[in-house]
Amino acid sequence: MADSIQDLIKAVDKFADERDWEQFHSPKNLAMALIVEAGELVEHFQWLEQAQSLELAQDKRHAVALEMADVLIYLVRMASRLNIDLLAASEEKIIRNGKKYPIDKSSGRAEKYTSDGTDP
């Protein structure tokens, strides 16, 4: 079991290496596979109301967990192939989003707080 993103990347890389899949795992192909898996994840929620999406039956919840795992696996594999530090990129993005969506202008609002759609 992986205890960190780095451990997960190593496990996924090993899995791919043992199967000689490096040749198929270009960033383009991995991005496409990630979108396919994200689509499969979304299918579980299609047509559900908000409340229903929060209260999934145990078997549906497990299926959702496995689709989420597929998305994560492709994402960490892509990060490995591109030598991107996902934690560092995520931390940077959270900081940027904090500036883009300040609490006083975005709290409790789903839409962008600027009326003209431009970034601050």
Protein backbone atom coordinates (compact mmCIF):
# COMPACT_ATOMS: atom_id res chain seq x y z
CA MET A 1 0.00 0.00 0.00
CA ALA A 2 1.25 3.45 -0.91
CA ASP A 3 1.65 5.95 1.93
CA SER A 4 2.39 8.97 -0.26
CA ILE A 5 2.00 10.24 -3.79
CA GLN A 6 5.65 9.36 -4.35
CA ASP A 7 5.00 5.76 -3.26
CA LEU A 8 1.96 5.60 -5.54
CA ILE A 9 3.96 6.92 -8.49
CA LYS A 10 6.62 4.25 -7.89
CA ALA A 11 3.98 1.51 -7.70
CA VAL A 12 2.22 2.68 -10.87
CA ASP A 13 5.53 3.06 -12.71
CA LYS A 14 6.55 -0.45 -11.64
CA PHE A 15 3.20 -1.86 -12.76
CA ALA A 16 3.60 -0.23 -16.20
CA ASP A 17 7.28 -1.21 -16.50
CA GLU A 18 6.55 -4.87 -15.73
CA ARG A 19 4.07 -4.90 -18.60
CA ASP A 20 6.26 -2.96 -21.05
CA TRP A 21 3.65 -0.21 -21.33
CA GLU A 22 6.09 2.71 -21.36
CA GLN A 23 5.76 2.76 -25.15
CA PHE A 24 2.02 3.47 -24.85
CA HIS A 25 2.17 5.95 -21.98
CA SER A 26 2.90 9.20 -23.76
CA PRO A 27 1.50 12.28 -22.02
CA LYS A 28 -1.06 12.60 -24.84
CA ASN A 29 -2.30 9.03 -24.42
CA LEU A 30 -2.37 9.32 -20.63
CA ALA A 31 -4.34 12.58 -20.81
CA MET A 32 -6.85 10.92 -23.11
CA ALA A 33 -7.14 7.88 -20.82
CA LEU A 34 -7.62 10.18 -17.83
CA ILE A 35 -10.54 11.90 -19.56
CA VAL A 36 -12.12 8.55 -20.43
CA GLU A 37 -11.91 7.49 -16.78
CA ALA A 38 -13.25 10.86 -15.61
CA GLY A 39 -16.20 10.32 -17.95
CA GLU A 40 -16.82 6.92 -16.39
CA LEU A 41 -16.76 8.57 -12.97
CA VAL A 42 -19.29 11.19 -14.07
CA GLU A 43 -21.64 8.48 -15.35
CA HIS A 44 -22.27 7.37 -11.77
CA PHE A 45 -23.69 10.81 -10.96
CA GLN A 46 -25.57 11.52 -14.17
CA TRP A 47 -29.20 12.39 -13.47
CA LEU A 48 -28.79 12.30 -9.69
CA GLU A 49 -29.96 15.23 -7.64
CA GLN A 50 -27.48 16.96 -5.31
CA ALA A 51 -28.70 15.09 -2.22
CA GLN A 52 -28.63 11.74 -4.01
CA SER A 53 -25.02 12.28 -5.04
CA LEU A 54 -24.08 12.63 -1.37
CA GLU A 55 -25.86 9.47 -0.25
CA LEU A 56 -24.68 6.69 -2.56
CA ALA A 57 -25.50 3.07 -1.84
CA GLN A 58 -22.45 1.09 -0.68
CA ASP A 59 -22.01 -0.77 -4.00
CA LYS A 60 -22.30 2.47 -5.98
CA ARG A 61 -19.87 4.19 -3.59
CA HIS A 62 -17.36 1.38 -4.14
CA ALA A 63 -17.73 1.67 -7.93
CA VAL A 64 -17.16 5.43 -7.65
CA ALA A 65 -14.06 4.82 -5.51
CA LEU A 66 -12.61 2.53 -8.19
CA GLU A 67 -13.26 5.09 -10.93
CA MET A 68 -11.63 7.78 -8.79
CA ALA A 69 -8.65 5.46 -8.39
CA ASP A 70 -8.41 5.07 -12.18
CA VAL A 71 -8.35 8.87 -12.56
CA LEU A 72 -5.67 9.19 -9.89
CA ILE A 73 -3.55 6.41 -11.37
CA TYR A 74 -3.52 8.01 -14.82
CA LEU A 75 -2.80 11.40 -13.27
CA VAL A 76 0.19 10.20 -11.25
CA ARG A 77 1.49 8.21 -14.23
CA MET A 78 1.29 11.35 -16.37
CA ALA A 79 3.07 13.36 -13.68
CA SER A 80 5.81 10.73 -13.61
CA ARG A 81 6.26 10.77 -17.37
CA LEU A 82 6.44 14.58 -17.39
CA ASN A 83 8.52 14.78 -14.19
CA ILE A 84 5.95 17.04 -12.49
CA ASP A 85 5.76 17.29 -8.72
CA LEU A 86 2.00 17.07 -8.13
CA LEU A 87 2.20 18.26 -4.52
CA ALA A 88 4.21 21.35 -5.45
CA ALA A 89 1.92 22.11 -8.40
CA SER A 90 -1.15 21.67 -6.18
CA GLU A 91 0.23 23.97 -3.50
CA GLU A 92 1.00 26.62 -6.13
CA LYS A 93 -2.50 26.28 -7.60
CA ILE A 94 -4.16 26.65 -4.17
CA ILE A 95 -2.20 29.88 -3.60
CA ARG A 96 -3.17 31.18 -7.05
CA ASN A 97 -6.82 30.26 -6.49
CA GLY A 98 -6.74 32.05 -3.15
CA LYS A 99 -5.73 35.24 -4.96
CA LYS A 100 -8.18 34.66 -7.81
CA TYR A 101 -11.11 33.92 -5.49
CA PRO A 102 -10.67 36.05 -2.36
CA ILE A 103 -12.96 35.02 0.50
CA ASP A 104 -14.72 38.38 0.73
CA LYS A 105 -15.75 38.25 -2.94
CA SER A 106 -16.34 34.54 -3.47
CA SER A 107 -17.64 33.06 -0.22
CA GLY A 108 -20.89 31.19 -0.80
CA ARG A 109 -20.97 31.96 -4.54
CA ALA A 110 -20.72 29.33 -7.27
CA GLU A 111 -20.24 31.79 -10.13
CA LYS A 112 -17.17 33.86 -10.77
CA TYR A 113 -17.37 37.04 -8.72
CA THR A 114 -16.42 39.32 -11.61
CA SER A 115 -19.39 40.34 -13.73
CA ASP A 116 -17.40 40.62 -16.97
CA GLY A 117 -15.72 37.20 -16.61
CA THR A 118 -12.18 38.61 -16.49
CA ASP A 119 -9.60 37.42 -14.04
CA PRO A 120 -8.58 39.83 -11.27
